C-alpha cells in the first residue's frame, strides 16, 4: 500500500487540515502515518510538507498542499 507520511512538528504548524483531508479522502488507498521528523527542517519551518510515497510535497498553505496531493493522486 502506498504511504503518506506527515511530520509531527509540521502538523502543529500547518498540516492538521491536510491530515484530516487525507484521513477522510485517501485512507482507503494510502497508509497514513505521522513521524517525529521528516528531516526537512528548513522547508518545514516555512511550508506545509508531507512525504507522499517517497516524494516530498510542500505548499505555502494547507490548501495549496492539498491541491498538490490531489494532483499526485490523479497522476498515479
PDB file of N, CA and C in Angstrom:
ATOM      1  N   UNK A   1       0.846  -1.186   0.000  1.00  0.00           N
ATOM      2  CA  UNK A   1       0.000   0.000   0.000  1.00  0.00           C
ATOM      3  C   UNK A   1       0.887   1.244   0.000  1.00  0.00           C
ATOM      4  N   UNK A   2       0.503   2.236  -0.746  1.00  0.00           N
ATOM      5  CA  UNK A   2       1.246   3.487  -0.807  1.00  0.00           C
ATOM      6  C   UNK A   2       1.097   4.252   0.497  1.00  0.00           C
ATOM      7  N   UNK A   3       2.084   5.129   0.775  1.00  0.00           N
ATOM      8  CA  UNK A   3       2.113   5.808   2.065  1.00  0.00           C
ATOM      9  C   UNK A   3       2.091   7.327   1.921  1.00  0.00           C
ATOM     10  N   UNK A   4       1.454   7.960   2.887  1.00  0.00           N
ATOM     11  CA  UNK A   4       1.528   9.413   3.060  1.00  0.00           C
ATOM     12  C   UNK A   4       1.988   9.611   4.501  1.00  0.00           C
ATOM     13  N   UNK A   5       3.138  10.266   4.662  1.00  0.00           N
ATOM     14  CA  UNK A   5       3.714  10.441   5.991  1.00  0.00           C
ATOM     15  C   UNK A   5       3.780  11.920   6.332  1.00  0.00           C
ATOM     16  N   UNK A   6       3.262  12.242   7.492  1.00  0.00           N
ATOM     17  CA  UNK A   6       3.253  13.615   7.988  1.00  0.00           C
ATOM     18  C   UNK A   6       4.321  13.791   9.050  1.00  0.00           C
ATOM     19  N   UNK A   7       4.890  14.971   9.114  1.00  0.00           N
ATOM     20  CA  UNK A   7       5.860  15.341  10.139  1.00  0.00           C
ATOM     21  C   UNK A   7       5.098  15.883  11.350  1.00  0.00           C
ATOM     22  N   UNK A   8       5.342  15.302  12.524  1.00  0.00           N
ATOM     23  CA  UNK A   8       4.633  15.741  13.732  1.00  0.00           C
ATOM     24  C   UNK A   8       4.856  17.227  14.000  1.00  0.00           C
ATOM     25  N   UNK A   9       6.057  17.695  13.798  1.00  0.00           N
ATOM     26  CA  UNK A   9       6.357  19.106  14.035  1.00  0.00           C
ATOM     27  C   UNK A   9       5.575  20.000  13.073  1.00  0.00           C
ATOM     28  N   UNK A  10       5.462  19.564  11.831  1.00  0.00           N
ATOM     29  CA  UNK A  10       4.745  20.349  10.835  1.00  0.00           C
ATOM     30  C   UNK A  10       3.242  20.317  11.067  1.00  0.00           C
ATOM     31  N   UNK A  11       2.737  19.238  11.637  1.00  0.00           N
ATOM     32  CA  UNK A  11       1.311  19.164  11.965  1.00  0.00           C
ATOM     33  C   UNK A  11       0.922  20.316  12.873  1.00  0.00           C
ATOM     34  N   UNK A  12       1.770  20.583  13.841  1.00  0.00           N
ATOM     35  CA  UNK A  12       1.494  21.662  14.784  1.00  0.00           C
ATOM     36  C   UNK A  12       1.510  23.022  14.099  1.00  0.00           C
ATOM     37  N   UNK A  13       2.294  23.147  13.031  1.00  0.00           N
ATOM     38  CA  UNK A  13       2.394  24.429  12.325  1.00  0.00           C
ATOM     39  C   UNK A  13       1.274  24.625  11.315  1.00  0.00           C
ATOM     40  N   UNK A  14       1.011  23.586  10.495  1.00  0.00           N
ATOM     41  CA  UNK A  14       0.029  23.862   9.436  1.00  0.00           C
ATOM     42  C   UNK A  14      -0.603  22.670   8.749  1.00  0.00           C
ATOM     43  N   UNK A  15      -0.219  21.455   9.025  1.00  0.00           N
ATOM     44  CA  UNK A  15      -0.770  20.377   8.204  1.00  0.00           C
ATOM     45  C   UNK A  15      -1.900  19.590   8.857  1.00  0.00           C
ATOM     46  N   UNK A  16      -2.404  20.028   9.989  1.00  0.00           N
ATOM     47  CA  UNK A  16      -3.540  19.331  10.616  1.00  0.00           C
ATOM     48  C   UNK A  16      -4.713  19.229   9.639  1.00  0.00           C
ATOM     49  N   UNK A  17      -4.982  20.310   8.942  1.00  0.00           N
ATOM     50  CA  UNK A  17      -6.065  20.312   7.939  1.00  0.00           C
ATOM     51  C   UNK A  17      -5.785  19.317   6.815  1.00  0.00           C
ATOM     52  N   UNK A  18      -4.522  19.207   6.421  1.00  0.00           N
ATOM     53  CA  UNK A  18      -4.138  18.281   5.361  1.00  0.00           C
ATOM     54  C   UNK A  18      -4.287  16.835   5.844  1.00  0.00           C
ATOM     55  N   UNK A  19      -3.920  16.578   7.083  1.00  0.00           N
ATOM     56  CA  UNK A  19      -4.081  15.248   7.668  1.00  0.00           C
ATOM     57  C   UNK A  19      -5.553  14.846   7.689  1.00  0.00           C
ATOM     58  N   UNK A  20      -6.416  15.748   8.075  1.00  0.00           N
ATOM     59  CA  UNK A  20      -7.853  15.458   8.087  1.00  0.00           C
ATOM     60  C   UNK A  20      -8.360  15.153   6.680  1.00  0.00           C
ATOM     61  N   UNK A  21      -7.888  15.925   5.693  1.00  0.00           N
ATOM     62  CA  UNK A  21      -8.266  15.669   4.305  1.00  0.00           C
ATOM     63  C   UNK A  21      -7.827  14.257   3.897  1.00  0.00           C
ATOM     64  N   UNK A  22      -6.581  13.913   4.213  1.00  0.00           N
ATOM     65  CA  UNK A  22      -6.053  12.599   3.834  1.00  0.00           C
ATOM     66  C   UNK A  22      -6.835  11.478   4.508  1.00  0.00           C
ATOM     67  N   UNK A  23      -7.102  11.626   5.790  1.00  0.00           N
ATOM     68  CA  UNK A  23      -7.852  10.592   6.512  1.00  0.00           C
ATOM     69  C   UNK A  23      -9.253  10.410   5.931  1.00  0.00           C
ATOM     70  N   UNK A  24      -9.903  11.510   5.584  1.00  0.00           N
ATOM     71  CA  UNK A  24     -11.284  11.455   5.090  1.00  0.00           C
ATOM     72  C   UNK A  24     -11.401  11.033   3.633  1.00  0.00           C
ATOM     73  N   UNK A  25     -10.350  11.263   2.831  1.00  0.00           N
ATOM     74  CA  UNK A  25     -10.467  11.044   1.397  1.00  0.00           C
ATOM     75  C   UNK A  25      -9.507  10.021   0.798  1.00  0.00           C
ATOM     76  N   UNK A  26      -8.432   9.694   1.509  1.00  0.00           N
ATOM     77  CA  UNK A  26      -7.410   8.850   0.899  1.00  0.00           C
ATOM     78  C   UNK A  26      -7.052   7.598   1.689  1.00  0.00           C
ATOM     79  N   UNK A  27      -7.604   7.448   2.868  1.00  0.00           N
ATOM     80  CA  UNK A  27      -7.192   6.345   3.740  1.00  0.00           C
ATOM     81  C   UNK A  27      -7.537   4.958   3.201  1.00  0.00           C
ATOM     82  N   UNK A  28      -8.432   4.895   2.224  1.00  0.00           N
ATOM     83  CA  UNK A  28      -8.752   3.591   1.641  1.00  0.00           C
ATOM     84  C   UNK A  28      -7.673   3.116   0.672  1.00  0.00           C
ATOM     85  N   UNK A  29      -6.859   4.033   0.152  1.00  0.00           N
ATOM     86  CA  UNK A  29      -5.822   3.677  -0.818  1.00  0.00           C
ATOM     87  C   UNK A  29      -4.401   3.951  -0.321  1.00  0.00           C
ATOM     88  N   UNK A  30      -4.278   4.699   0.764  1.00  0.00           N
ATOM     89  CA  UNK A  30      -2.966   5.090   1.271  1.00  0.00           C
ATOM     90  C   UNK A  30      -2.865   4.816   2.765  1.00  0.00           C
ATOM     91  N   UNK A  31      -1.698   4.335   3.185  1.00  0.00           N
ATOM     92  CA  UNK A  31      -1.401   4.191   4.597  1.00  0.00           C
ATOM     93  C   UNK A  31      -0.965   5.570   5.095  1.00  0.00           C
ATOM     94  N   UNK A  32      -1.688   6.138   6.017  1.00  0.00           N
ATOM     95  CA  UNK A  32      -1.413   7.486   6.512  1.00  0.00           C
ATOM     96  C   UNK A  32      -0.757   7.373   7.880  1.00  0.00           C
ATOM     97  N   UNK A  33       0.414   7.996   8.012  1.00  0.00           N
ATOM     98  CA  UNK A  33       1.136   7.916   9.276  1.00  0.00           C
ATOM     99  C   UNK A  33       1.758   9.264   9.630  1.00  0.00           C
ATOM    100  N   UNK A  34       2.188   9.344  10.891  1.00  0.00           N
ATOM    101  CA  UNK A  34       2.852  10.541  11.396  1.00  0.00           C
ATOM    102  C   UNK A  34       4.194  10.106  11.959  1.00  0.00           C
ATOM    103  N   UNK A  35       5.239  10.802  11.571  1.00  0.00           N
ATOM    104  CA  UNK A  35       6.570  10.529  12.096  1.00  0.00           C
ATOM    105  C   UNK A  35       7.055  11.757  12.870  1.00  0.00           C
ATOM    106  N   UNK A  36       8.022  11.556  13.738  1.00  0.00           N
ATOM    107  CA  UNK A  36       8.520  12.654  14.552  1.00  0.00           C
ATOM    108  C   UNK A  36       9.122  13.765  13.697  1.00  0.00           C
ATOM    109  N   UNK A  37       9.858  13.374  12.653  1.00  0.00           N
ATOM    110  CA  UNK A  37      10.527  14.374  11.809  1.00  0.00           C
ATOM    111  C   UNK A  37      10.790  13.779  10.433  1.00  0.00           C
ATOM    112  N   UNK A  38      10.574  14.580   9.400  1.00  0.00           N
ATOM    113  CA  UNK A  38      10.877  14.141   8.034  1.00  0.00           C
ATOM    114  C   UNK A  38      12.288  14.539   7.611  1.00  0.00           C
ATOM    115  N   UNK A  39      12.996  15.274   8.468  1.00  0.00           N
ATOM    116  CA  UNK A  39      14.365  15.681   8.146  1.00  0.00           C
ATOM    117  C   UNK A  39      14.450  16.810   7.140  1.00  0.00           C
ATOM    118  N   UNK A  40      13.408  17.588   7.029  1.00  0.00           N
ATOM    119  CA  UNK A  40      13.361  18.719   6.090  1.00  0.00           C
ATOM    120  C   UNK A  40      13.081  20.009   6.864  1.00  0.00           C
ATOM    121  N   UNK A  41      13.850  20.241   7.912  1.00  0.00           N
ATOM    122  CA  UNK A  41      13.558  21.313   8.863  1.00  0.00           C
ATOM    123  C   UNK A  41      13.503  22.700   8.223  1.00  0.00           C
ATOM    124  N   UNK A  42      14.390  22.982   7.284  1.00  0.00           N
ATOM    125  CA  UNK A  42      14.368  24.292   6.629  1.00  0.00           C
ATOM    126  C   UNK A  42      13.070  24.536   5.890  1.00  0.00           C
ATOM    127  N   UNK A  43      12.615  23.558   5.162  1.00  0.00           N
ATOM    128  CA  UNK A  43      11.357  23.659   4.417  1.00  0.00           C
ATOM    129  C   UNK A  43      10.169  23.598   5.367  1.00  0.00           C
ATOM    130  N   UNK A  44      10.269  22.758   6.365  1.00  0.00           N
ATOM    131  CA  UNK A  44       9.193  22.569   7.348  1.00  0.00           C
ATOM    132  C   UNK A  44       8.896  23.864   8.104  1.00  0.00           C
ATOM    133  N   UNK A  45       9.928  24.639   8.335  1.00  0.00           N
ATOM    134  CA  UNK A  45       9.788  25.885   9.080  1.00  0.00           C
ATOM    135  C   UNK A  45       8.900  26.895   8.351  1.00  0.00           C
ATOM    136  N   UNK A  46       8.913  26.852   7.014  1.00  0.00           N
ATOM    137  CA  UNK A  46       8.210  27.881   6.250  1.00  0.00           C
ATOM    138  C   UNK A  46       7.066  27.369   5.380  1.00  0.00           C
ATOM    139  N   UNK A  47       6.895  26.042   5.280  1.00  0.00           N
ATOM    140  CA  UNK A  47       5.873  25.475   4.393  1.00  0.00           C
ATOM    141  C   UNK A  47       5.181  24.285   5.045  1.00  0.00           C
ATOM    142  N   UNK A  48       4.049  23.946   4.502  1.00  0.00           N
ATOM    143  CA  UNK A  48       3.362  22.714   4.864  1.00  0.00           C
ATOM    144  C   UNK A  48       4.006  21.607   4.040  1.00  0.00           C
ATOM    145  N   UNK A  49       4.384  20.500   4.688  1.00  0.00           N
ATOM    146  CA  UNK A  49       5.060  19.433   3.951  1.00  0.00           C
ATOM    147  C   UNK A  49       4.452  18.072   4.275  1.00  0.00           C
ATOM    148  N   UNK A  50       4.641  17.146   3.342  1.00  0.00           N
ATOM    149  CA  UNK A  50       4.216  15.761   3.516  1.00  0.00           C
ATOM    150  C   UNK A  50       5.086  14.895   2.609  1.00  0.00           C
ATOM    151  N   UNK A  51       5.379  13.685   3.069  1.00  0.00           N
ATOM    152  CA  UNK A  51       6.067  12.707   2.241  1.00  0.00           C
ATOM    153  C   UNK A  51       4.972  11.880   1.567  1.00  0.00           C
ATOM    154  N   UNK A  52       4.836  12.065   0.278  1.00  0.00           N
ATOM    155  CA  UNK A  52       3.805  11.368  -0.490  1.00  0.00           C
ATOM    156  C   UNK A  52       4.456  10.200  -1.220  1.00  0.00           C
ATOM    157  N   UNK A  53       4.443   9.048  -0.586  1.00  0.00           N
ATOM    158  CA  UNK A  53       5.002   7.825  -1.151  1.00  0.00           C
ATOM    159  C   UNK A  53       6.425   8.042  -1.673  1.00  0.00           C
ATOM    160  N   UNK A  54       7.265   8.659  -0.835  1.00  0.00           N
ATOM    161  CA  UNK A  54       8.666   8.871  -1.177  1.00  0.00           C
ATOM    162  C   UNK A  54       8.977  10.175  -1.873  1.00  0.00           C
ATOM    163  N   UNK A  55       7.968  10.946  -2.163  1.00  0.00           N
ATOM    164  CA  UNK A  55       8.164  12.241  -2.830  1.00  0.00           C
ATOM    165  C   UNK A  55       7.743  13.340  -1.863  1.00  0.00           C
ATOM    166  N   UNK A  56       8.651  14.267  -1.580  1.00  0.00           N
ATOM    167  CA  UNK A  56       8.337  15.360  -0.670  1.00  0.00           C
ATOM    168  C   UNK A  56       7.501  16.408  -1.392  1.00  0.00           C
ATOM    169  N   UNK A  57       6.324  16.685  -0.846  1.00  0.00           N
ATOM    170  CA  UNK A  57       5.452  17.729  -1.388  1.00  0.00           C
ATOM    171  C   UNK A  57       5.384  18.852  -0.380  1.00  0.00           C
ATOM    172  N   UNK A  58       5.331  20.084  -0.883  1.00  0.00           N
ATOM    173  CA  UNK A  58       5.206  21.232   0.013  1.00  0.00           C
ATOM    174  C   UNK A  58       4.270  22.264  -0.597  1.00  0.00           C
ATOM    175  N   UNK A  59       3.702  23.064   0.286  1.00  0.00           N
ATOM    176  CA  UNK A  59       2.818  24.134  -0.149  1.00  0.00           C
ATOM    177  C   UNK A  59       2.887  25.286   0.832  1.00  0.00           C
ATOM    178  N   UNK A  60       2.618  26.473   0.351  1.00  0.00           N
ATOM    179  CA  UNK A  60       2.673  27.664   1.203  1.00  0.00           C
ATOM    180  C   UNK A  60       1.519  27.723   2.189  1.00  0.00           C
ATOM    181  N   UNK A  61       0.487  26.911   1.948  1.00  0.00           N
ATOM    182  CA  UNK A  61      -0.678  26.863   2.831  1.00  0.00           C
ATOM    183  C   UNK A  61      -1.231  25.439   2.805  1.00  0.00           C
ATOM    184  N   UNK A  62      -2.052  25.085   3.774  1.00  0.00           N
ATOM    185  CA  UNK A  62      -2.662  23.750   3.738  1.00  0.00           C
ATOM    186  C   UNK A  62      -3.446  23.504   2.445  1.00  0.00           C
ATOM    187  N   UNK A  63      -4.161  24.512   1.983  1.00  0.00           N
ATOM    188  CA  UNK A  63      -4.956  24.361   0.763  1.00  0.00           C
ATOM    189  C   UNK A  63      -4.074  24.084  -0.453  1.00  0.00           C
ATOM    190  N   UNK A  64      -2.929  24.754  -0.544  1.00  0.00           N
ATOM    191  CA  UNK A  64      -2.030  24.516  -1.682  1.00  0.00           C
ATOM    192  C   UNK A  64      -1.421  23.126  -1.621  1.00  0.00           C
ATOM    193  N   UNK A  65      -1.115  22.657  -0.417  1.00  0.00           N
ATOM    194  CA  UNK A  65      -0.585  21.302  -0.279  1.00  0.00           C
ATOM    195  C   UNK A  65      -1.648  20.272  -0.647  1.00  0.00           C
ATOM    196  N   UNK A  66      -2.867  20.482  -0.245  1.00  0.00           N
ATOM    197  CA  UNK A  66      -3.958  19.573  -0.617  1.00  0.00           C
ATOM    198  C   UNK A  66      -4.093  19.518  -2.141  1.00  0.00           C
ATOM    199  N   UNK A  67      -3.989  20.641  -2.805  1.00  0.00           N
ATOM    200  CA  UNK A  67      -4.076  20.661  -4.273  1.00  0.00           C
ATOM    201  C   UNK A  67      -2.943  19.847  -4.892  1.00  0.00           C
ATOM    202  N   UNK A  68      -1.737  19.938  -4.329  1.00  0.00           N
ATOM    203  CA  UNK A  68      -0.614  19.154  -4.850  1.00  0.00           C
ATOM    204  C   UNK A  68      -0.845  17.665  -4.628  1.00  0.00           C
ATOM    205  N   UNK A  69      -1.400  17.306  -3.482  1.00  0.00           N
ATOM    206  CA  UNK A  69      -1.702  15.901  -3.211  1.00  0.00           C
ATOM    207  C   UNK A  69      -2.745  15.399  -4.210  1.00  0.00           C
ATOM    208  N   UNK A  70      -3.785  16.189  -4.435  1.00  0.00           N
ATOM    209  CA  UNK A  70      -4.812  15.795  -5.411  1.00  0.00           C
ATOM    210  C   UNK A  70      -4.192  15.555  -6.783  1.00  0.00           C
ATOM    211  N   UNK A  71      -3.274  16.426  -7.170  1.00  0.00           N
ATOM    212  CA  UNK A  71      -2.600  16.291  -8.468  1.00  0.00           C
ATOM    213  C   UNK A  71      -1.794  14.987  -8.525  1.00  0.00           C
ATOM    214  N   UNK A  72      -1.073  14.675  -7.457  1.00  0.00           N
ATOM    215  CA  UNK A  72      -0.300  13.430  -7.416  1.00  0.00           C
ATOM    216  C   UNK A  72      -1.207  12.207  -7.486  1.00  0.00           C
ATOM    217  N   UNK A  73      -2.321  12.246  -6.785  1.00  0.00           N
ATOM    218  CA  UNK A  73      -3.263  11.118  -6.792  1.00  0.00           C
ATOM    219  C   UNK A  73      -3.796  10.891  -8.200  1.00  0.00           C
ATOM    220  N   UNK A  74      -4.089  11.975  -8.901  1.00  0.00           N
ATOM    221  CA  UNK A  74      -4.602  11.859 -10.270  1.00  0.00           C
ATOM    222  C   UNK A  74      -3.557  11.275 -11.214  1.00  0.00           C
ATOM    223  N   UNK A  75      -2.268  11.556 -10.962  1.00  0.00           N
ATOM    224  CA  UNK A  75      -1.190  11.078 -11.838  1.00  0.00           C
ATOM    225  C   UNK A  75      -0.864   9.605 -11.623  1.00  0.00           C
ATOM    226  N   UNK A  76      -1.287   9.048 -10.506  1.00  0.00           N
ATOM    227  CA  UNK A  76      -0.946   7.652 -10.197  1.00  0.00           C
ATOM    228  C   UNK A  76      -1.959   6.706 -10.805  1.00  0.00           C
TER     229      UNK A  76
END
